[in-house]
Amino acid sequence: MTAIEFGLLAIPFFAIILATLETSYVFLASQILDSAVNDTTRAIRTGVAQSANVDAEGYRGLICDRLFGLFDCDELKIKVSTVANFTSANTPPPVDSTGAWTITEGYAAGAGSDVILAEVYYKWPILMSFASFNLANVGDGTRLMASVRLFKNE
């Protein structure tokens, strides 16, 4: 009798445990990405990146150094651009309904007093999927992670 009860309850129990672990892992990764972008945009904001002649690949390297190996750095989509002012900053969706990328990568750190929009996106693979009960928010079954900063260079 006990074995039958365990058999009936084991699948939902382990499914809940695995879903909890995946959810916490996704949120941890999202926080790490956000922290990495926050740290690296500070280098742009203070002029350190400009004085060191950091280019697009150099900026990607700065971010990747802070991701603790959780992300495939080649799959990051990075766009750093200057905008006219804070109210004109616009972030259109970086993916379409099927999950294909629509963002055009670029790197323009600007000069002093420029308003900069830094966007970093990553499609995180989702492992657990029970019908429509999953963390995917993109049409291809992945979760779009985003970190965006809007700031004025010093």
Protein backbone atom coordinates (compact mmCIF):
# COMPACT_ATOMS: atom_id res chain seq x y z
CA MET A 1 0.00 0.00 0.00
CA THR A 2 2.79 2.41 0.90
CA ALA A 3 4.63 1.69 -2.34
CA ILE A 4 1.48 2.41 -4.35
CA GLU A 5 0.93 5.71 -2.53
CA PHE A 6 4.57 6.67 -3.07
CA GLY A 7 4.28 5.76 -6.75
CA LEU A 8 1.23 7.99 -7.15
CA LEU A 9 2.79 10.94 -5.36
CA ALA A 10 6.39 10.62 -6.58
CA ILE A 11 5.87 12.07 -10.06
CA PRO A 12 4.08 15.27 -8.95
CA PHE A 13 6.47 15.66 -6.01
CA PHE A 14 9.61 15.43 -8.14
CA ALA A 15 8.04 17.62 -10.83
CA ILE A 16 7.43 20.35 -8.25
CA ILE A 17 10.99 20.01 -6.92
CA LEU A 18 12.50 20.23 -10.42
CA ALA A 19 10.28 23.17 -11.38
CA THR A 20 11.34 25.00 -8.21
CA LEU A 21 15.01 24.36 -8.96
CA GLU A 22 14.70 25.55 -12.56
CA THR A 23 12.80 28.66 -11.51
CA SER A 24 15.45 29.58 -8.97
CA TYR A 25 18.23 28.91 -11.52
CA VAL A 26 16.54 31.15 -14.10
CA PHE A 27 16.13 33.97 -11.59
CA LEU A 28 19.73 33.59 -10.43
CA ALA A 29 20.98 33.78 -14.02
CA SER A 30 18.78 36.80 -14.71
CA GLN A 31 20.18 38.60 -11.66
CA ILE A 32 23.75 37.79 -12.69
CA LEU A 33 23.15 39.16 -16.21
CA ASP A 34 21.60 42.32 -14.78
CA SER A 35 24.49 42.80 -12.37
CA ALA A 36 27.06 42.30 -15.14
CA VAL A 37 25.37 44.91 -17.34
CA ASN A 38 25.11 47.31 -14.42
CA ASP A 39 28.84 46.98 -13.69
CA THR A 40 29.94 47.32 -17.31
CA THR A 41 27.74 50.30 -18.10
CA ARG A 42 29.40 52.08 -15.21
CA ALA A 43 32.66 51.84 -17.18
CA ILE A 44 30.94 53.56 -20.10
CA ARG A 45 29.21 56.16 -17.92
CA THR A 46 32.44 57.19 -16.20
CA GLY A 47 34.49 57.27 -19.43
CA VAL A 48 36.76 54.37 -18.51
CA ALA A 49 35.65 52.33 -21.55
CA GLN A 50 36.17 55.26 -23.92
CA SER A 51 39.64 56.07 -22.61
CA ALA A 52 40.63 52.39 -22.90
CA ASN A 53 39.31 52.28 -26.51
CA VAL A 54 36.91 49.44 -25.72
CA ASP A 55 35.13 48.22 -28.86
CA ALA A 56 32.11 45.91 -29.28
CA GLU A 57 34.10 42.71 -28.66
CA GLY A 58 35.91 44.29 -25.74
CA TYR A 59 32.59 45.27 -24.18
CA ARG A 60 31.28 41.73 -24.74
CA GLY A 61 34.38 40.48 -22.93
CA LEU A 62 33.74 42.82 -20.01
CA ILE A 63 30.24 41.44 -19.64
CA CYS A 64 31.31 37.82 -20.08
CA ASP A 65 33.96 38.17 -17.38
CA ARG A 66 31.13 38.83 -14.92
CA LEU A 67 28.77 35.98 -15.96
CA PHE A 68 30.53 33.16 -14.07
CA GLY A 69 30.28 30.79 -17.03
CA LEU A 70 26.48 30.52 -16.84
CA PHE A 71 25.92 31.99 -20.31
CA ASP A 72 27.19 31.25 -23.81
CA CYS A 73 28.77 34.63 -24.46
CA ASP A 74 28.56 34.21 -28.22
CA GLU A 75 24.77 34.13 -27.92
CA LEU A 76 24.49 37.47 -26.10
CA LYS A 77 22.91 40.22 -28.19
CA ILE A 78 24.43 43.58 -27.25
CA LYS A 79 23.44 47.01 -28.45
CA VAL A 80 24.94 50.18 -27.00
CA SER A 81 23.76 53.35 -28.71
CA THR A 82 23.50 57.07 -28.17
CA VAL A 83 20.04 58.63 -28.05
CA ALA A 84 19.03 62.28 -28.29
CA ASN A 85 17.54 62.47 -24.79
CA PHE A 86 15.92 60.34 -22.12
CA THR A 87 12.40 60.64 -23.52
CA SER A 88 13.41 59.52 -27.01
CA ALA A 89 14.90 56.22 -25.82
CA ASN A 90 13.04 53.35 -27.43
CA THR A 91 13.51 49.61 -26.99
CA PRO A 92 11.53 47.65 -29.58
CA PRO A 93 11.13 43.91 -28.97
CA PRO A 94 14.43 42.13 -29.70
CA VAL A 95 12.64 38.98 -30.96
CA ASP A 96 9.62 38.34 -33.14
CA SER A 97 6.71 36.00 -32.32
CA THR A 98 8.65 32.94 -33.52
CA GLY A 99 11.70 33.74 -31.40
CA ALA A 100 13.94 35.00 -34.21
CA TRP A 101 16.22 37.90 -33.32
CA THR A 102 15.18 41.31 -34.66
CA ILE A 103 17.77 43.41 -32.82
CA THR A 104 20.73 44.87 -34.67
CA GLU A 105 23.83 44.70 -32.52
CA GLY A 106 26.10 47.70 -32.24
CA TYR A 107 28.40 49.59 -29.94
CA ALA A 108 28.60 53.37 -29.64
CA ALA A 109 29.70 54.44 -26.17
CA GLY A 110 29.49 58.15 -26.99
CA ALA A 111 31.33 60.97 -25.31
CA GLY A 112 30.81 63.08 -22.21
CA SER A 113 27.20 64.22 -21.61
CA ASP A 114 25.78 61.85 -24.24
CA VAL A 115 22.69 59.85 -23.30
CA ILE A 116 23.42 56.15 -23.76
CA LEU A 117 21.02 53.23 -24.11
CA ALA A 118 22.67 49.87 -23.37
CA GLU A 119 20.69 46.71 -24.12
CA VAL A 120 21.80 43.12 -23.51
CA TYR A 121 19.58 40.15 -24.36
CA TYR A 122 19.93 36.39 -24.02
CA LYS A 123 17.63 33.48 -24.83
CA TRP A 124 17.88 31.07 -21.90
CA PRO A 125 17.03 27.41 -22.66
CA ILE A 126 14.16 26.01 -20.61
CA LEU A 127 14.49 22.37 -19.57
CA MET A 128 11.20 21.66 -17.78
CA SER A 129 8.07 21.90 -19.85
CA PHE A 130 4.69 20.55 -18.82
CA ALA A 131 2.26 21.55 -21.59
CA SER A 132 1.86 25.30 -21.10
CA PHE A 133 3.31 25.27 -17.59
CA ASN A 134 6.87 26.46 -18.19
CA LEU A 135 9.03 29.56 -17.95
CA ALA A 136 9.36 30.09 -21.71
CA ASN A 137 8.26 33.50 -22.92
CA VAL A 138 9.56 33.30 -26.51
CA GLY A 139 7.99 31.37 -29.39
CA ASP A 140 10.95 29.01 -29.71
CA GLY A 141 10.56 27.65 -26.16
CA THR A 142 13.28 29.75 -24.51
CA ARG A 143 13.12 32.52 -21.94
CA LEU A 144 14.21 35.98 -23.02
CA MET A 145 16.44 37.62 -20.43
CA ALA A 146 17.05 41.31 -20.79
CA SER A 147 19.03 43.99 -19.06
CA VAL A 148 18.68 47.58 -20.21
CA ARG A 149 20.34 50.70 -18.85
CA LEU A 150 19.68 54.31 -19.84
CA PHE A 151 22.13 56.84 -18.50
CA LYS A 152 24.01 60.03 -19.21
CA ASN A 153 27.78 59.89 -19.58
CA GLU A 154 29.79 61.95 -17.15
